[in-house]
Amino acid sequence: MSLHRLSSWHSFGGTVFVIMEHGDPVVPSQTDVADISSDDKAFSWPYFPSNRQQKTVFIRDLHDPHMSVASPIPASLEFSDGQVTACCYDLEQFGVGGDEFEALDDLRATIVELYVTLKQEPSLGPLPRRQLAYLARALKET
């Protein structure tokens, strides 16, 4: 049995490895999994290089049954030291996770919570009023 690099895992900056036996992939045994996971020098899973460039994505779904997105919400993904931060600068809100998906899910939940909270407040200051106005345009309750 041998360990082979299968392909780059570009969206997370790491590499996918597969155990091969006689040219065919095999399901790793508990021993194989322990050997792979104990080798900290060879693997960092997932590996985020600190020099990874930030990128902008658009949130088109909040994954909430009571709310949908009427206008896509821009979010900047920033990578550092094994962590991803999804920032919505228009709302001054962010989400954090171990990968892009977790960070965006955290940001989605933050956006929903912010909207529900702001809607219930009888008087708002300038920043919360601006945030609520933005969310009222970007979101649609279903």
N, C-alpha and C. Protein backbone atom coordinates (compact mmCIF):
# COMPACT_ATOMS: atom_id res chain seq x y z
N MET A 1 0.83 -1.17 0.00
CA MET A 1 0.00 0.00 0.00
C MET A 1 0.89 1.24 0.00
N SER A 2 0.45 2.26 -0.73
CA SER A 2 1.21 3.50 -0.75
C SER A 2 0.26 4.69 -0.78
N LEU A 3 0.77 5.83 -0.38
CA LEU A 3 -0.01 7.06 -0.33
C LEU A 3 0.36 7.89 -1.55
N HIS A 4 -0.63 8.32 -2.33
CA HIS A 4 -0.39 9.10 -3.54
C HIS A 4 -1.15 10.40 -3.49
N ARG A 5 -0.50 11.43 -4.01
CA ARG A 5 -1.18 12.71 -4.16
C ARG A 5 -2.14 12.57 -5.33
N LEU A 6 -3.41 12.88 -5.09
CA LEU A 6 -4.41 12.74 -6.14
C LEU A 6 -4.57 14.04 -6.92
N SER A 7 -4.82 15.11 -6.22
CA SER A 7 -5.00 16.38 -6.91
C SER A 7 -4.90 17.53 -5.92
N SER A 8 -4.69 18.71 -6.45
CA SER A 8 -4.67 19.89 -5.59
C SER A 8 -6.09 20.21 -5.16
N TRP A 9 -6.19 20.72 -3.98
CA TRP A 9 -7.48 21.11 -3.42
C TRP A 9 -7.46 22.62 -3.37
N HIS A 10 -7.56 23.24 -4.55
CA HIS A 10 -7.29 24.67 -4.70
C HIS A 10 -8.19 25.56 -3.87
N SER A 11 -9.47 25.23 -3.72
CA SER A 11 -10.35 26.14 -3.01
C SER A 11 -10.00 26.26 -1.55
N PHE A 12 -9.24 25.32 -1.00
CA PHE A 12 -8.86 25.40 0.39
C PHE A 12 -7.35 25.47 0.57
N GLY A 13 -6.60 25.42 -0.50
CA GLY A 13 -5.17 25.58 -0.41
C GLY A 13 -4.41 24.34 0.01
N GLY A 14 -5.05 23.20 0.15
CA GLY A 14 -4.39 21.98 0.58
C GLY A 14 -4.26 20.99 -0.55
N THR A 15 -4.08 19.74 -0.22
CA THR A 15 -3.92 18.68 -1.20
C THR A 15 -4.74 17.48 -0.77
N VAL A 16 -5.33 16.79 -1.74
CA VAL A 16 -6.08 15.57 -1.46
C VAL A 16 -5.15 14.38 -1.65
N PHE A 17 -5.13 13.47 -0.68
CA PHE A 17 -4.31 12.28 -0.77
C PHE A 17 -5.21 11.04 -0.76
N VAL A 18 -4.78 10.01 -1.49
CA VAL A 18 -5.54 8.77 -1.60
C VAL A 18 -4.58 7.61 -1.38
N ILE A 19 -5.04 6.59 -0.66
CA ILE A 19 -4.24 5.39 -0.47
C ILE A 19 -4.52 4.46 -1.65
N MET A 20 -3.44 3.98 -2.29
CA MET A 20 -3.56 3.13 -3.47
C MET A 20 -2.97 1.76 -3.19
N GLU A 21 -3.61 0.73 -3.72
CA GLU A 21 -3.08 -0.62 -3.63
C GLU A 21 -3.28 -1.27 -4.99
N HIS A 22 -2.18 -1.66 -5.63
CA HIS A 22 -2.21 -2.26 -6.97
C HIS A 22 -2.91 -1.35 -7.97
N GLY A 23 -2.70 -0.04 -7.83
CA GLY A 23 -3.26 0.91 -8.78
C GLY A 23 -4.70 1.31 -8.51
N ASP A 24 -5.35 0.75 -7.49
CA ASP A 24 -6.73 1.09 -7.17
C ASP A 24 -6.83 1.78 -5.82
N PRO A 25 -7.70 2.81 -5.71
CA PRO A 25 -7.87 3.45 -4.41
C PRO A 25 -8.56 2.50 -3.42
N VAL A 26 -8.17 2.56 -2.16
CA VAL A 26 -8.77 1.72 -1.13
C VAL A 26 -9.21 2.58 0.04
N VAL A 27 -10.18 2.08 0.79
CA VAL A 27 -10.64 2.76 2.00
C VAL A 27 -9.56 2.56 3.06
N PRO A 28 -9.09 3.64 3.68
CA PRO A 28 -8.01 3.49 4.65
C PRO A 28 -8.50 2.79 5.93
N SER A 29 -7.61 1.97 6.50
CA SER A 29 -7.92 1.32 7.77
C SER A 29 -7.73 2.33 8.89
N GLN A 30 -8.12 1.96 10.10
CA GLN A 30 -7.92 2.83 11.26
C GLN A 30 -6.44 3.13 11.46
N THR A 31 -5.60 2.15 11.21
CA THR A 31 -4.15 2.33 11.35
C THR A 31 -3.64 3.35 10.34
N ASP A 32 -4.13 3.23 9.07
CA ASP A 32 -3.72 4.19 8.04
C ASP A 32 -4.13 5.61 8.42
N VAL A 33 -5.35 5.76 8.89
CA VAL A 33 -5.86 7.08 9.28
C VAL A 33 -5.01 7.64 10.41
N ALA A 34 -4.69 6.81 11.40
CA ALA A 34 -3.86 7.26 12.53
C ALA A 34 -2.47 7.66 12.05
N ASP A 35 -1.89 6.86 11.11
CA ASP A 35 -0.55 7.19 10.59
C ASP A 35 -0.56 8.52 9.85
N ILE A 36 -1.57 8.72 9.03
CA ILE A 36 -1.66 9.96 8.24
C ILE A 36 -1.87 11.15 9.16
N SER A 37 -2.83 11.04 10.08
CA SER A 37 -3.16 12.19 10.93
C SER A 37 -2.08 12.49 11.96
N SER A 38 -1.23 11.52 12.28
CA SER A 38 -0.18 11.77 13.27
C SER A 38 1.06 12.40 12.65
N ASP A 39 1.15 12.45 11.35
CA ASP A 39 2.32 12.99 10.68
C ASP A 39 2.14 14.49 10.44
N ASP A 40 2.29 15.29 11.49
CA ASP A 40 2.04 16.72 11.40
C ASP A 40 2.98 17.44 10.45
N LYS A 41 4.19 16.92 10.26
CA LYS A 41 5.13 17.61 9.39
C LYS A 41 4.75 17.47 7.92
N ALA A 42 4.11 16.37 7.54
CA ALA A 42 3.76 16.16 6.14
C ALA A 42 2.41 16.75 5.79
N PHE A 43 1.50 16.83 6.76
CA PHE A 43 0.14 17.26 6.45
C PHE A 43 -0.32 18.38 7.36
N SER A 44 -0.99 19.30 6.80
CA SER A 44 -1.74 20.31 7.54
C SER A 44 -3.06 20.39 6.81
N TRP A 45 -4.12 19.94 7.42
CA TRP A 45 -5.36 19.73 6.68
C TRP A 45 -6.48 20.54 7.23
N PRO A 46 -7.08 21.46 6.54
CA PRO A 46 -6.57 22.04 5.29
C PRO A 46 -5.47 23.05 5.58
N TYR A 47 -4.64 23.30 4.60
CA TYR A 47 -3.53 24.22 4.76
C TYR A 47 -3.90 25.54 4.11
N PHE A 48 -3.81 26.62 4.85
CA PHE A 48 -4.08 27.95 4.31
C PHE A 48 -2.79 28.74 4.31
N PRO A 49 -2.22 28.99 3.16
CA PRO A 49 -1.05 29.85 3.17
C PRO A 49 -1.46 31.27 3.57
N SER A 50 -0.67 31.93 4.36
CA SER A 50 -1.05 33.25 4.84
C SER A 50 -1.03 34.30 3.74
N ASN A 51 -0.39 34.00 2.62
CA ASN A 51 -0.32 34.97 1.53
C ASN A 51 -1.46 34.79 0.52
N ARG A 52 -2.46 33.98 0.84
CA ARG A 52 -3.57 33.77 -0.10
C ARG A 52 -4.34 35.07 -0.28
N GLN A 53 -4.64 35.39 -1.52
CA GLN A 53 -5.31 36.64 -1.85
C GLN A 53 -6.78 36.61 -1.42
N GLN A 54 -7.25 37.73 -0.93
CA GLN A 54 -8.67 37.82 -0.60
C GLN A 54 -9.47 37.84 -1.89
N LYS A 55 -10.74 37.46 -1.80
CA LYS A 55 -11.61 37.50 -2.97
C LYS A 55 -13.01 37.91 -2.55
N THR A 56 -13.77 38.39 -3.50
CA THR A 56 -15.13 38.82 -3.23
C THR A 56 -16.10 37.82 -3.84
N VAL A 57 -17.10 37.45 -3.05
CA VAL A 57 -18.18 36.58 -3.51
C VAL A 57 -19.50 37.30 -3.21
N PHE A 58 -20.57 36.78 -3.77
CA PHE A 58 -21.88 37.39 -3.53
C PHE A 58 -22.81 36.38 -2.88
N ILE A 59 -23.39 36.77 -1.77
CA ILE A 59 -24.35 35.93 -1.07
C ILE A 59 -25.69 36.07 -1.77
N ARG A 60 -26.19 34.95 -2.27
CA ARG A 60 -27.47 34.94 -3.00
C ARG A 60 -28.54 34.13 -2.28
N ASP A 61 -28.15 33.50 -1.18
CA ASP A 61 -29.08 32.69 -0.40
C ASP A 61 -28.63 32.73 1.06
N LEU A 62 -29.57 32.95 1.97
CA LEU A 62 -29.23 33.02 3.39
C LEU A 62 -29.37 31.68 4.10
N HIS A 63 -29.84 30.66 3.40
CA HIS A 63 -30.07 29.34 3.99
C HIS A 63 -31.03 29.44 5.17
N ASP A 64 -32.00 30.33 5.05
CA ASP A 64 -33.01 30.53 6.09
C ASP A 64 -34.38 30.38 5.44
N PRO A 65 -35.26 29.54 6.01
CA PRO A 65 -36.56 29.30 5.38
C PRO A 65 -37.49 30.52 5.38
N HIS A 66 -37.19 31.52 6.19
CA HIS A 66 -38.07 32.68 6.31
C HIS A 66 -37.58 33.91 5.57
N MET A 67 -36.40 33.81 4.95
CA MET A 67 -35.83 34.95 4.28
C MET A 67 -35.11 34.56 3.01
N SER A 68 -35.22 35.41 2.00
CA SER A 68 -34.48 35.20 0.77
C SER A 68 -33.73 36.50 0.43
N VAL A 69 -32.83 36.40 -0.52
CA VAL A 69 -32.03 37.55 -0.92
C VAL A 69 -32.63 38.15 -2.19
N ALA A 70 -33.04 39.40 -2.11
CA ALA A 70 -33.60 40.10 -3.27
C ALA A 70 -32.48 40.69 -4.13
N SER A 71 -31.42 41.12 -3.49
CA SER A 71 -30.27 41.71 -4.19
C SER A 71 -29.01 41.10 -3.59
N PRO A 72 -28.13 40.50 -4.40
CA PRO A 72 -26.94 39.83 -3.87
C PRO A 72 -26.11 40.74 -2.94
N ILE A 73 -25.61 40.14 -1.88
CA ILE A 73 -24.84 40.87 -0.87
C ILE A 73 -23.36 40.53 -1.04
N PRO A 74 -22.50 41.53 -1.32
CA PRO A 74 -21.08 41.24 -1.49
C PRO A 74 -20.41 40.90 -0.15
N ALA A 75 -19.51 39.91 -0.21
CA ALA A 75 -18.74 39.52 0.97
C ALA A 75 -17.30 39.30 0.53
N SER A 76 -16.38 39.82 1.31
CA SER A 76 -14.96 39.64 1.05
C SER A 76 -14.46 38.49 1.89
N LEU A 77 -13.78 37.53 1.25
CA LEU A 77 -13.19 36.40 1.96
C LEU A 77 -11.71 36.69 2.17
N GLU A 78 -11.29 36.64 3.43
CA GLU A 78 -9.90 36.91 3.78
C GLU A 78 -9.33 35.70 4.50
N PHE A 79 -8.11 35.31 4.15
CA PHE A 79 -7.50 34.08 4.62
C PHE A 79 -6.28 34.40 5.48
N SER A 80 -6.20 33.75 6.66
CA SER A 80 -5.00 33.90 7.48
C SER A 80 -4.93 32.80 8.52
N ASP A 81 -3.77 32.19 8.62
CA ASP A 81 -3.45 31.23 9.68
C ASP A 81 -4.53 30.20 9.94
N GLY A 82 -4.98 29.50 8.91
CA GLY A 82 -5.96 28.42 9.08
C GLY A 82 -7.36 28.88 9.36
N GLN A 83 -7.65 30.14 9.12
CA GLN A 83 -8.97 30.69 9.39
C GLN A 83 -9.41 31.55 8.21
N VAL A 84 -10.71 31.55 7.95
CA VAL A 84 -11.27 32.39 6.89
C VAL A 84 -12.27 33.34 7.53
N THR A 85 -12.22 34.59 7.12
CA THR A 85 -13.17 35.59 7.58
C THR A 85 -13.95 36.07 6.38
N ALA A 86 -15.28 36.04 6.49
CA ALA A 86 -16.16 36.57 5.45
C ALA A 86 -16.69 37.91 5.96
N CYS A 87 -16.35 39.00 5.28
CA CYS A 87 -16.71 40.35 5.73
C CYS A 87 -17.71 40.98 4.78
N CYS A 88 -18.76 41.53 5.34
CA CYS A 88 -19.69 42.35 4.57
C CYS A 88 -19.47 43.79 5.02
N TYR A 89 -18.67 44.53 4.27
CA TYR A 89 -18.30 45.88 4.66
C TYR A 89 -19.49 46.83 4.62
N ASP A 90 -20.46 46.58 3.74
CA ASP A 90 -21.64 47.43 3.67
C ASP A 90 -22.44 47.40 4.97
N LEU A 91 -22.41 46.26 5.66
CA LEU A 91 -23.15 46.12 6.92
C LEU A 91 -22.25 46.18 8.15
N GLU A 92 -20.93 46.21 7.93
CA GLU A 92 -19.96 46.17 9.01
C GLU A 92 -20.17 44.92 9.88
N GLN A 93 -20.34 43.76 9.20
CA GLN A 93 -20.55 42.48 9.86
C GLN A 93 -19.57 41.46 9.27
N PHE A 94 -19.29 40.41 10.04
CA PHE A 94 -18.39 39.39 9.54
C PHE A 94 -18.76 38.03 10.11
N GLY A 95 -18.24 36.98 9.46
CA GLY A 95 -18.37 35.61 9.93
C GLY A 95 -17.01 34.94 9.84
N VAL A 96 -16.77 33.98 10.71
CA VAL A 96 -15.47 33.32 10.79
C VAL A 96 -15.68 31.81 10.71
N GLY A 97 -14.73 31.12 10.08
CA GLY A 97 -14.81 29.67 10.01
C GLY A 97 -13.48 29.05 9.61
N GLY A 98 -13.45 27.74 9.66
CA GLY A 98 -12.26 26.99 9.29
C GLY A 98 -12.06 26.92 7.79
N ASP A 99 -13.12 27.18 7.01
CA ASP A 99 -13.02 27.23 5.56
C ASP A 99 -14.02 28.26 5.03
N GLU A 100 -14.04 28.44 3.72
CA GLU A 100 -14.90 29.45 3.10
C GLU A 100 -16.38 29.21 3.42
N PHE A 101 -16.79 27.95 3.39
CA PHE A 101 -18.19 27.62 3.60
C PHE A 101 -18.64 27.94 5.02
N GLU A 102 -17.82 27.59 6.00
CA GLU A 102 -18.16 27.88 7.40
C GLU A 102 -18.21 29.39 7.64
N ALA A 103 -17.26 30.12 7.10
CA ALA A 103 -17.23 31.57 7.28
C ALA A 103 -18.47 32.22 6.66
N LEU A 104 -18.84 31.78 5.45
CA LEU A 104 -20.02 32.34 4.80
C LEU A 104 -21.30 31.96 5.54
N ASP A 105 -21.38 30.73 6.04
CA ASP A 105 -22.54 30.32 6.83
C ASP A 105 -22.66 31.16 8.10
N ASP A 106 -21.53 31.43 8.75
CA ASP A 106 -21.53 32.26 9.95
C ASP A 106 -21.98 33.68 9.61
N LEU A 107 -21.51 34.22 8.49
CA LEU A 107 -21.92 35.56 8.06
C LEU A 107 -23.41 35.57 7.73
N ARG A 108 -23.91 34.55 7.04
CA ARG A 108 -25.35 34.48 6.73
C ARG A 108 -26.19 34.52 8.01
N ALA A 109 -25.79 33.72 9.00
CA ALA A 109 -26.53 33.70 10.28
C ALA A 109 -26.46 35.06 10.96
N THR A 110 -25.32 35.72 10.88
CA THR A 110 -25.16 37.05 11.48
C THR A 110 -26.07 38.06 10.80
N ILE A 111 -26.18 37.98 9.48
CA ILE A 111 -27.03 38.90 8.72
C ILE A 111 -28.49 38.70 9.10
N VAL A 112 -28.94 37.46 9.18
CA VAL A 112 -30.33 37.18 9.55
C VAL A 112 -30.60 37.70 10.97
N GLU A 113 -29.70 37.41 11.89
CA GLU A 113 -29.87 37.84 13.28
C GLU A 113 -29.90 39.37 13.37
N LEU A 114 -29.02 40.04 12.63
CA LEU A 114 -28.98 41.50 12.62
C LEU A 114 -30.31 42.07 12.12
N TYR A 115 -30.81 41.54 11.02
CA TYR A 115 -32.07 42.04 10.45
C TYR A 115 -33.23 41.87 11.44
N VAL A 116 -33.35 40.70 12.03
CA VAL A 116 -34.44 40.43 12.98
C VAL A 116 -34.32 41.36 14.19
N THR A 117 -33.12 41.54 14.69
CA THR A 117 -32.90 42.41 15.86
C THR A 117 -33.23 43.86 15.55
N LEU A 118 -32.73 44.36 14.42
CA LEU A 118 -32.97 45.76 14.07
C LEU A 118 -34.44 46.05 13.79
N LYS A 119 -35.14 45.10 13.20
CA LYS A 119 -36.57 45.30 12.91
C LYS A 119 -37.39 45.46 14.19
N GLN A 120 -36.94 44.83 15.27
CA GLN A 120 -37.69 44.86 16.52
C GLN A 120 -37.40 46.09 17.38
N GLU A 121 -36.36 46.82 17.06
CA GLU A 121 -35.97 47.99 17.87
C GLU A 121 -36.83 49.20 17.49
N PRO A 122 -37.44 49.86 18.50
CA PRO A 122 -38.29 51.01 18.20
C PRO A 122 -37.51 52.26 17.77
N SER A 123 -36.32 52.48 18.33
CA SER A 123 -35.53 53.64 17.91
C SER A 123 -34.10 53.20 17.67
N LEU A 124 -33.56 53.63 16.55
CA LEU A 124 -32.22 53.22 16.14
C LEU A 124 -31.34 54.44 15.94
N GLY A 125 -30.06 54.25 16.20
CA GLY A 125 -29.07 55.29 15.92
C GLY A 125 -28.74 55.31 14.44
N PRO A 126 -27.82 56.19 14.02
CA PRO A 126 -27.50 56.34 12.60
C PRO A 126 -26.98 55.06 11.93
N LEU A 127 -26.03 54.37 12.56
CA LEU A 127 -25.48 53.15 11.94
C LEU A 127 -26.53 52.04 11.85
N PRO A 128 -27.23 51.72 12.93
CA PRO A 128 -28.26 50.68 12.80
C PRO A 128 -29.36 51.05 11.80
N ARG A 129 -29.72 52.33 11.69
CA ARG A 129 -30.73 52.76 10.70
C ARG A 129 -30.23 52.48 9.29
N ARG A 130 -28.94 52.80 9.06
CA ARG A 130 -28.34 52.56 7.74
C ARG A 130 -28.30 51.06 7.44
N GLN A 131 -27.93 50.25 8.45
CA GLN A 131 -27.89 48.80 8.27
C GLN A 131 -29.29 48.26 7.95
N LEU A 132 -30.29 48.71 8.68
CA LEU A 132 -31.66 48.24 8.44
C LEU A 132 -32.15 48.65 7.05
N ALA A 133 -31.84 49.86 6.63
CA ALA A 133 -32.25 50.31 5.29
C ALA A 133 -31.60 49.43 4.22
N TYR A 134 -30.31 49.11 4.39
CA TYR A 134 -29.61 48.24 3.44
C TYR A 134 -30.27 46.87 3.41
N LEU A 135 -30.52 46.30 4.59
CA LEU A 135 -31.12 44.96 4.66
C LEU A 135 -32.55 44.94 4.12
N ALA A 136 -33.29 46.01 4.31
CA ALA A 136 -34.66 46.07 3.80
C ALA A 136 -34.67 46.02 2.27
N ARG A 137 -33.63 46.60 1.66
CA ARG A 137 -33.51 46.55 0.19
C ARG A 137 -32.98 45.21 -0.29
N ALA A 138 -32.07 44.60 0.46
CA ALA A 138 -31.38 43.38 0.01
C ALA A 138 -32.14 42.09 0.33
N LEU A 139 -32.98 42.10 1.36
CA LEU A 139 -33.65 40.87 1.80
C LEU A 139 -35.15 40.93 1.54
N LYS A 140 -35.73 39.73 1.50
CA LYS A 140 -37.17 39.61 1.33
C LYS A 140 -37.65 38.52 2.26
N GLU A 141 -38.61 38.85 3.11
CA GLU A 141 -39.17 37.84 4.01
C GLU A 141 -40.14 36.97 3.23
N THR A 142 -40.06 35.65 3.47
CA THR A 142 -40.94 34.71 2.76
C THR A 142 -41.94 34.09 3.68
